[in-house]
Amino acid sequence: MQRIRILVADDHTLIRRGVVGLLNSQPDMEVVGDVGSGEEAFTKTAAALPEVVLMDIGMPGMNGLDACKAIKTQLPSVQVLILTMHDREDYLFQALRAGASGYILKGADVQDLLSAIRCVHDGEVYLYRTITKKLLADYVRRVEQGGERGTYDGLTEREREVLRLIAQGKTTSEIAQLLYISQHTVQTHRDHIMKKLDLHSKAALIKYAIRKGLISADS
């Protein structure tokens, strides 16, 4: 099995060492470096070429957000996952604008962290569930108030139902049970929604919401 190459950047030594030990204990993960500052994160990433950088925000000198932006500018194929204590939307949106592929709190469960790393490594966006729910709920609210009416009118009634349930944070399995359809059908509806809105991934949905002002950092 080819392991995911990971760089850990956190200025708290005990936390960093604990995370390194955890990741190295996973059969599909390998820590190729650990650093305590943004500058070191950028330099070490260029040298070690990890696939995923696990990045804290508050570090001395260059902070994690600036380091993320620098890494994505020079090495766009490297995925950056923010691991932070800051449960604030302004930091979340700054991280997304800087090019991060995920945002998870230090208080998250171990399995959530491992899932987040695997998720961003596979090219997806990982956000803790409450943030994803808010992004989609705000999109639906603005649409129903008249914003983006043209694209929303292109959805069928069933697609609107699916979109509303996604906005409520329902899983594919839960949506299937509520609408008495198969999980495959739910995924098909989801794919049609993304296509009709000209959005092809969760990352595109988030970027679209920010770009269009559907979601703002201070909302």
C-alpha atoms as a PDB file:
ATOM      1  CA  MET A   1       0.000   0.000   0.000  1.00  0.00           C
ATOM      2  CA  GLN A   2       1.318   3.409  -0.972  1.00  0.00           C
ATOM      3  CA  ARG A   3       1.210   5.737   2.000  1.00  0.00           C
ATOM      4  CA  ILE A   4      -0.049   9.324   2.022  1.00  0.00           C
ATOM      5  CA  ARG A   5       2.959  11.588   2.543  1.00  0.00           C
ATOM      6  CA  ILE A   6       2.151  14.196   5.191  1.00  0.00           C
ATOM      7  CA  LEU A   7       3.884  17.252   6.643  1.00  0.00           C
ATOM      8  CA  VAL A   8       2.710  18.460  10.069  1.00  0.00           C
ATOM      9  CA  ALA A   9       3.072  22.173  10.916  1.00  0.00           C
ATOM     10  CA  ASP A  10       2.228  23.277  14.475  1.00  0.00           C
ATOM     11  CA  ASP A  11       4.202  25.420  16.904  1.00  0.00           C
ATOM     12  CA  HIS A  12       3.034  23.446  19.962  1.00  0.00           C
ATOM     13  CA  THR A  13       5.616  20.680  20.273  1.00  0.00           C
ATOM     14  CA  LEU A  14       3.503  18.285  22.340  1.00  0.00           C
ATOM     15  CA  ILE A  15       0.537  18.565  19.989  1.00  0.00           C
ATOM     16  CA  ARG A  16       2.768  18.173  16.935  1.00  0.00           C
ATOM     17  CA  ARG A  17       4.491  15.086  18.303  1.00  0.00           C
ATOM     18  CA  GLY A  18       1.174  13.539  19.286  1.00  0.00           C
ATOM     19  CA  VAL A  19      -0.239  14.081  15.804  1.00  0.00           C
ATOM     20  CA  VAL A  20       2.923  12.719  14.195  1.00  0.00           C
ATOM     21  CA  GLY A  21       2.722   9.573  16.319  1.00  0.00           C
ATOM     22  CA  LEU A  22      -0.941   9.102  15.469  1.00  0.00           C
ATOM     23  CA  LEU A  23      -0.434   9.500  11.729  1.00  0.00           C
ATOM     24  CA  ASN A  24       2.611   7.255  11.587  1.00  0.00           C
ATOM     25  CA  SER A  25       0.594   4.516  13.302  1.00  0.00           C
ATOM     26  CA  GLN A  26      -1.797   4.416  10.342  1.00  0.00           C
ATOM     27  CA  PRO A  27      -1.014   1.844   7.652  1.00  0.00           C
ATOM     28  CA  ASP A  28      -1.776   4.300   4.843  1.00  0.00           C
ATOM     29  CA  MET A  29       0.006   7.386   6.202  1.00  0.00           C
ATOM     30  CA  GLU A  30       3.610   8.531   6.566  1.00  0.00           C
ATOM     31  CA  VAL A  31       4.861  11.773   8.125  1.00  0.00           C
ATOM     32  CA  VAL A  32       7.746  13.093   6.034  1.00  0.00           C
ATOM     33  CA  GLY A  33       8.423  16.107   8.234  1.00  0.00           C
ATOM     34  CA  ASP A  34       7.193  18.225  11.141  1.00  0.00           C
ATOM     35  CA  VAL A  35       7.846  21.917  11.674  1.00  0.00           C
ATOM     36  CA  GLY A  36       6.884  24.702  14.060  1.00  0.00           C
ATOM     37  CA  SER A  37       6.461  27.764  11.835  1.00  0.00           C
ATOM     38  CA  GLY A  38       4.934  28.905   8.571  1.00  0.00           C
ATOM     39  CA  GLU A  39       8.295  29.620   7.009  1.00  0.00           C
ATOM     40  CA  GLU A  40       9.527  26.121   7.847  1.00  0.00           C
ATOM     41  CA  ALA A  41       6.306  24.655   6.497  1.00  0.00           C
ATOM     42  CA  PHE A  42       6.866  26.329   3.135  1.00  0.00           C
ATOM     43  CA  THR A  43      10.571  25.402   2.977  1.00  0.00           C
ATOM     44  CA  LYS A  44      10.052  21.816   4.119  1.00  0.00           C
ATOM     45  CA  THR A  45       7.151  21.309   1.715  1.00  0.00           C
ATOM     46  CA  ALA A  46       9.344  22.366  -1.214  1.00  0.00           C
ATOM     47  CA  ALA A  47      12.052  19.960  -0.064  1.00  0.00           C
ATOM     48  CA  ALA A  48      10.056  16.913   1.078  1.00  0.00           C
ATOM     49  CA  LEU A  49       7.144  17.228  -1.389  1.00  0.00           C
ATOM     50  CA  PRO A  50       4.381  15.874   0.846  1.00  0.00           C
ATOM     51  CA  GLU A  51       0.965  15.196  -0.637  1.00  0.00           C
ATOM     52  CA  VAL A  52      -0.860  16.727   2.335  1.00  0.00           C
ATOM     53  CA  VAL A  53       0.208  19.490   4.716  1.00  0.00           C
ATOM     54  CA  LEU A  54      -1.574  19.515   8.083  1.00  0.00           C
ATOM     55  CA  MET A  55      -1.363  23.199   8.995  1.00  0.00           C
ATOM     56  CA  ASP A  56      -2.038  25.130  12.181  1.00  0.00           C
ATOM     57  CA  ILE A  57      -3.075  28.785  11.787  1.00  0.00           C
ATOM     58  CA  GLY A  58      -1.471  30.557  14.733  1.00  0.00           C
ATOM     59  CA  MET A  59       2.266  30.164  14.371  1.00  0.00           C
ATOM     60  CA  PRO A  60       5.128  32.647  14.907  1.00  0.00           C
ATOM     61  CA  GLY A  61       6.361  34.636  11.917  1.00  0.00           C
ATOM     62  CA  MET A  62       4.478  33.565   8.806  1.00  0.00           C
ATOM     63  CA  ASN A  63       1.119  32.235   9.974  1.00  0.00           C
ATOM     64  CA  GLY A  64      -0.539  29.126   8.623  1.00  0.00           C
ATOM     65  CA  LEU A  65      -2.831  30.975   6.234  1.00  0.00           C
ATOM     66  CA  ASP A  66       0.050  32.834   4.589  1.00  0.00           C
ATOM     67  CA  ALA A  67       2.059  29.616   4.447  1.00  0.00           C
ATOM     68  CA  CYS A  68      -0.898  27.865   2.825  1.00  0.00           C
ATOM     69  CA  LYS A  69      -1.155  30.556   0.157  1.00  0.00           C
ATOM     70  CA  ALA A  70       2.580  30.391  -0.533  1.00  0.00           C
ATOM     71  CA  ILE A  71       2.517  26.602  -0.816  1.00  0.00           C
ATOM     72  CA  LYS A  72      -0.480  26.568  -3.154  1.00  0.00           C
ATOM     73  CA  THR A  73       1.115  29.249  -5.325  1.00  0.00           C
ATOM     74  CA  GLN A  74       4.363  27.345  -5.753  1.00  0.00           C
ATOM     75  CA  LEU A  75       3.108  23.762  -5.407  1.00  0.00           C
ATOM     76  CA  PRO A  76      -0.581  23.682  -6.364  1.00  0.00           C
ATOM     77  CA  SER A  77      -0.786  19.881  -6.293  1.00  0.00           C
ATOM     78  CA  VAL A  78      -0.079  19.812  -2.547  1.00  0.00           C
ATOM     79  CA  GLN A  79      -3.284  19.658  -0.487  1.00  0.00           C
ATOM     80  CA  VAL A  80      -3.427  21.769   2.685  1.00  0.00           C
ATOM     81  CA  LEU A  81      -5.680  20.766   5.582  1.00  0.00           C
ATOM     82  CA  ILE A  82      -6.076  23.386   8.304  1.00  0.00           C
ATOM     83  CA  LEU A  83      -6.038  21.933  11.844  1.00  0.00           C
ATOM     84  CA  THR A  84      -6.890  24.683  14.305  1.00  0.00           C
ATOM     85  CA  MET A  85      -8.549  25.621  17.571  1.00  0.00           C
ATOM     86  CA  HIS A  86     -10.391  28.529  15.867  1.00  0.00           C
ATOM     87  CA  ASP A  87     -14.067  27.708  15.400  1.00  0.00           C
ATOM     88  CA  ARG A  88     -14.693  30.914  13.440  1.00  0.00           C
ATOM     89  CA  GLU A  89     -16.116  31.418   9.987  1.00  0.00           C
ATOM     90  CA  ASP A  90     -13.786  34.289   9.158  1.00  0.00           C
ATOM     91  CA  TYR A  91     -10.803  31.968   9.551  1.00  0.00           C
ATOM     92  CA  LEU A  92     -12.579  29.298   7.530  1.00  0.00           C
ATOM     93  CA  PHE A  93     -13.166  31.628   4.591  1.00  0.00           C
ATOM     94  CA  GLN A  94      -9.633  33.013   4.755  1.00  0.00           C
ATOM     95  CA  ALA A  95      -8.355  29.433   4.654  1.00  0.00           C
ATOM     96  CA  LEU A  96     -10.478  28.576   1.609  1.00  0.00           C
ATOM     97  CA  ARG A  97      -9.361  31.730  -0.187  1.00  0.00           C
ATOM     98  CA  ALA A  98      -5.755  30.827   0.594  1.00  0.00           C
ATOM     99  CA  GLY A  99      -6.270  27.512  -1.186  1.00  0.00           C
ATOM    100  CA  ALA A 100      -6.853  25.104   1.709  1.00  0.00           C
ATOM    101  CA  SER A 101      -8.784  21.953   0.874  1.00  0.00           C
ATOM    102  CA  GLY A 102     -10.083  21.366   4.371  1.00  0.00           C
ATOM    103  CA  TYR A 103     -10.710  22.835   7.795  1.00  0.00           C
ATOM    104  CA  ILE A 104     -10.978  20.790  10.990  1.00  0.00           C
ATOM    105  CA  LEU A 105     -10.811  21.649  14.684  1.00  0.00           C
ATOM    106  CA  LYS A 106      -8.255  20.303  17.132  1.00  0.00           C
ATOM    107  CA  GLY A 107     -11.123  19.102  19.278  1.00  0.00           C
ATOM    108  CA  ALA A 108     -12.362  16.775  16.537  1.00  0.00           C
ATOM    109  CA  ASP A 109     -12.414  13.016  16.963  1.00  0.00           C
ATOM    110  CA  VAL A 110      -9.338  11.113  15.832  1.00  0.00           C
ATOM    111  CA  GLN A 111     -11.332   9.312  13.149  1.00  0.00           C
ATOM    112  CA  ASP A 112     -12.584  12.654  11.813  1.00  0.00           C
ATOM    113  CA  LEU A 113      -9.005  13.867  11.441  1.00  0.00           C
ATOM    114  CA  LEU A 114      -7.935  10.702   9.646  1.00  0.00           C
ATOM    115  CA  SER A 115     -10.968  10.907   7.371  1.00  0.00           C
ATOM    116  CA  ALA A 116     -10.196  14.553   6.630  1.00  0.00           C
ATOM    117  CA  ILE A 117      -6.636  13.727   5.576  1.00  0.00           C
ATOM    118  CA  ARG A 118      -7.797  10.930   3.293  1.00  0.00           C
ATOM    119  CA  CYS A 119     -10.522  13.161   1.885  1.00  0.00           C
ATOM    120  CA  VAL A 120      -8.264  16.059   0.870  1.00  0.00           C
ATOM    121  CA  HIS A 121      -5.663  13.625  -0.429  1.00  0.00           C
ATOM    122  CA  ASP A 122      -8.328  12.296  -2.803  1.00  0.00           C
ATOM    123  CA  GLY A 123      -8.949  15.808  -4.116  1.00  0.00           C
ATOM    124  CA  GLU A 124     -12.119  16.545  -2.158  1.00  0.00           C
ATOM    125  CA  VAL A 125     -12.913  19.335   0.276  1.00  0.00           C
ATOM    126  CA  TYR A 126     -13.370  18.492   3.950  1.00  0.00           C
ATOM    127  CA  LEU A 127     -15.311  20.761   6.281  1.00  0.00           C
ATOM    128  CA  TYR A 128     -16.800  19.778   9.594  1.00  0.00           C
ATOM    129  CA  ARG A 129     -20.456  19.063   9.140  1.00  0.00           C
ATOM    130  CA  THR A 130     -21.937  22.201  10.742  1.00  0.00           C
ATOM    131  CA  ILE A 131     -20.073  24.432   8.283  1.00  0.00           C
ATOM    132  CA  THR A 132     -21.139  22.398   5.254  1.00  0.00           C
ATOM    133  CA  LYS A 133     -24.729  22.553   6.476  1.00  0.00           C
ATOM    134  CA  LYS A 134     -24.546  26.346   6.851  1.00  0.00           C
ATOM    135  CA  LEU A 135     -23.069  26.848   3.389  1.00  0.00           C
ATOM    136  CA  LEU A 136     -25.840  24.880   1.724  1.00  0.00           C
ATOM    137  CA  ALA A 137     -28.619  26.225   3.957  1.00  0.00           C
ATOM    138  CA  ASP A 138     -27.606  29.816   3.211  1.00  0.00           C
ATOM    139  CA  TYR A 139     -27.513  29.024  -0.516  1.00  0.00           C
ATOM    140  CA  VAL A 140     -31.054  27.636  -0.415  1.00  0.00           C
ATOM    141  CA  ARG A 141     -32.295  30.566   1.702  1.00  0.00           C
ATOM    142  CA  ARG A 142     -30.923  33.150  -0.722  1.00  0.00           C
ATOM    143  CA  VAL A 143     -32.274  31.241  -3.699  1.00  0.00           C
ATOM    144  CA  GLU A 144     -35.752  31.085  -2.173  1.00  0.00           C
ATOM    145  CA  GLN A 145     -35.588  34.823  -1.471  1.00  0.00           C
ATOM    146  CA  GLY A 146     -34.897  35.506  -5.138  1.00  0.00           C
ATOM    147  CA  GLY A 147     -31.129  35.249  -5.479  1.00  0.00           C
ATOM    148  CA  GLU A 148     -29.810  33.046  -8.289  1.00  0.00           C
ATOM    149  CA  ARG A 149     -33.406  32.468  -9.333  1.00  0.00           C
ATOM    150  CA  GLY A 150     -32.527  31.547 -12.877  1.00  0.00           C
ATOM    151  CA  THR A 151     -30.356  28.578 -11.942  1.00  0.00           C
ATOM    152  CA  TYR A 152     -32.694  27.426  -9.182  1.00  0.00           C
ATOM    153  CA  ASP A 153     -35.672  27.442 -11.558  1.00  0.00           C
ATOM    154  CA  GLY A 154     -33.779  24.939 -13.689  1.00  0.00           C
ATOM    155  CA  LEU A 155     -34.075  22.295 -10.961  1.00  0.00           C
ATOM    156  CA  THR A 156     -36.929  19.813 -10.836  1.00  0.00           C
ATOM    157  CA  GLU A 157     -39.134  19.628  -7.756  1.00  0.00           C
ATOM    158  CA  ARG A 158     -37.408  16.424  -6.619  1.00  0.00           C
ATOM    159  CA  GLU A 159     -33.981  18.026  -7.109  1.00  0.00           C
ATOM    160  CA  ARG A 160     -35.142  20.938  -4.941  1.00  0.00           C
ATOM    161  CA  GLU A 161     -36.218  18.471  -2.265  1.00  0.00           C
ATOM    162  CA  VAL A 162     -32.825  16.792  -2.378  1.00  0.00           C
ATOM    163  CA  LEU A 163     -31.058  20.149  -2.227  1.00  0.00           C
ATOM    164  CA  ARG A 164     -33.094  21.209   0.820  1.00  0.00           C
ATOM    165  CA  LEU A 165     -32.283  17.957   2.615  1.00  0.00           C
ATOM    166  CA  ILE A 166     -28.596  18.324   1.807  1.00  0.00           C
ATOM    167  CA  ALA A 167     -28.818  21.829   3.263  1.00  0.00           C
ATOM    168  CA  GLN A 168     -30.255  20.333   6.429  1.00  0.00           C
ATOM    169  CA  GLY A 169     -27.163  18.192   6.770  1.00  0.00           C
ATOM    170  CA  LYS A 170     -28.817  14.904   5.822  1.00  0.00           C
ATOM    171  CA  THR A 171     -26.613  12.080   4.576  1.00  0.00           C
ATOM    172  CA  THR A 172     -27.230  10.232   1.308  1.00  0.00           C
ATOM    173  CA  SER A 173     -28.648   7.304   3.277  1.00  0.00           C
ATOM    174  CA  GLU A 174     -30.965   9.563   5.290  1.00  0.00           C
ATOM    175  CA  ILE A 175     -32.199  11.354   2.155  1.00  0.00           C
ATOM    176  CA  ALA A 176     -32.897   8.016   0.485  1.00  0.00           C
ATOM    177  CA  GLN A 177     -34.966   6.872   3.453  1.00  0.00           C
ATOM    178  CA  LEU A 178     -36.908  10.135   3.705  1.00  0.00           C
ATOM    179  CA  LEU A 179     -37.773  10.232  -0.009  1.00  0.00           C
ATOM    180  CA  TYR A 180     -38.219   6.449  -0.409  1.00  0.00           C
ATOM    181  CA  ILE A 181     -35.624   6.242  -3.158  1.00  0.00           C
ATOM    182  CA  SER A 182     -32.290   4.445  -3.492  1.00  0.00           C
ATOM    183  CA  GLN A 183     -28.962   5.959  -2.469  1.00  0.00           C
ATOM    184  CA  HIS A 184     -27.893   5.684  -6.104  1.00  0.00           C
ATOM    185  CA  THR A 185     -30.873   7.825  -7.108  1.00  0.00           C
ATOM    186  CA  VAL A 186     -29.971  10.406  -4.466  1.00  0.00           C
ATOM    187  CA  GLN A 187     -26.440  10.592  -5.865  1.00  0.00           C
ATOM    188  CA  THR A 188     -27.859  10.948  -9.384  1.00  0.00           C
ATOM    189  CA  HIS A 189     -30.017  13.865  -8.258  1.00  0.00           C
ATOM    190  CA  ARG A 190     -27.001  15.410  -6.518  1.00  0.00           C
ATOM    191  CA  ASP A 191     -24.967  15.095  -9.716  1.00  0.00           C
ATOM    192  CA  HIS A 192     -27.759  16.726 -11.748  1.00  0.00           C
ATOM    193  CA  ILE A 193     -27.990  19.598  -9.240  1.00  0.00           C
ATOM    194  CA  MET A 194     -24.265  20.266  -9.476  1.00  0.00           C
ATOM    195  CA  LYS A 195     -24.382  20.079 -13.272  1.00  0.00           C
ATOM    196  CA  LYS A 196     -27.347  22.433 -13.602  1.00  0.00           C
ATOM    197  CA  LEU A 197     -25.697  24.930 -11.271  1.00  0.00           C
ATOM    198  CA  ASP A 198     -22.459  24.415 -13.234  1.00  0.00           C
ATOM    199  CA  LEU A 199     -20.727  23.127 -10.112  1.00  0.00           C
ATOM    200  CA  HIS A 200     -18.833  19.868 -10.284  1.00  0.00           C
ATOM    201  CA  SER A 201     -17.539  19.291  -6.764  1.00  0.00           C
ATOM    202  CA  LYS A 202     -18.030  20.380  -3.179  1.00  0.00           C
ATOM    203  CA  ALA A 203     -14.971  22.581  -3.606  1.00  0.00           C
ATOM    204  CA  ALA A 204     -16.607  24.308  -6.577  1.00  0.00           C
ATOM    205  CA  LEU A 205     -19.789  24.848  -4.574  1.00  0.00           C
ATOM    206  CA  ILE A 206     -17.878  26.555  -1.778  1.00  0.00           C
ATOM    207  CA  LYS A 207     -15.849  28.740  -4.136  1.00  0.00           C
ATOM    208  CA  TYR A 208     -19.000  29.648  -6.042  1.00  0.00           C
ATOM    209  CA  ALA A 209     -20.791  30.637  -2.833  1.00  0.00           C
ATOM    210  CA  ILE A 210     -17.915  32.884  -1.786  1.00  0.00           C
ATOM    211  CA  ARG A 211     -17.454  34.406  -5.246  1.00  0.00           C
ATOM    212  CA  LYS A 212     -21.143  35.190  -5.663  1.00  0.00           C
ATOM    213  CA  GLY A 213     -21.473  36.578  -2.172  1.00  0.00           C
ATOM    214  CA  LEU A 214     -23.979  33.876  -1.250  1.00  0.00           C
ATOM    215  CA  ILE A 215     -21.893  33.228   1.858  1.00  0.00           C
ATOM    216  CA  SER A 216     -19.827  35.912   3.563  1.00  0.00           C
ATOM    217  CA  ALA A 217     -17.225  35.649   6.277  1.00  0.00           C
ATOM    218  CA  ASP A 218     -19.277  37.830   8.615  1.00  0.00           C
ATOM    219  CA  SER A 219     -22.700  36.310   7.893  1.00  0.00           C
END
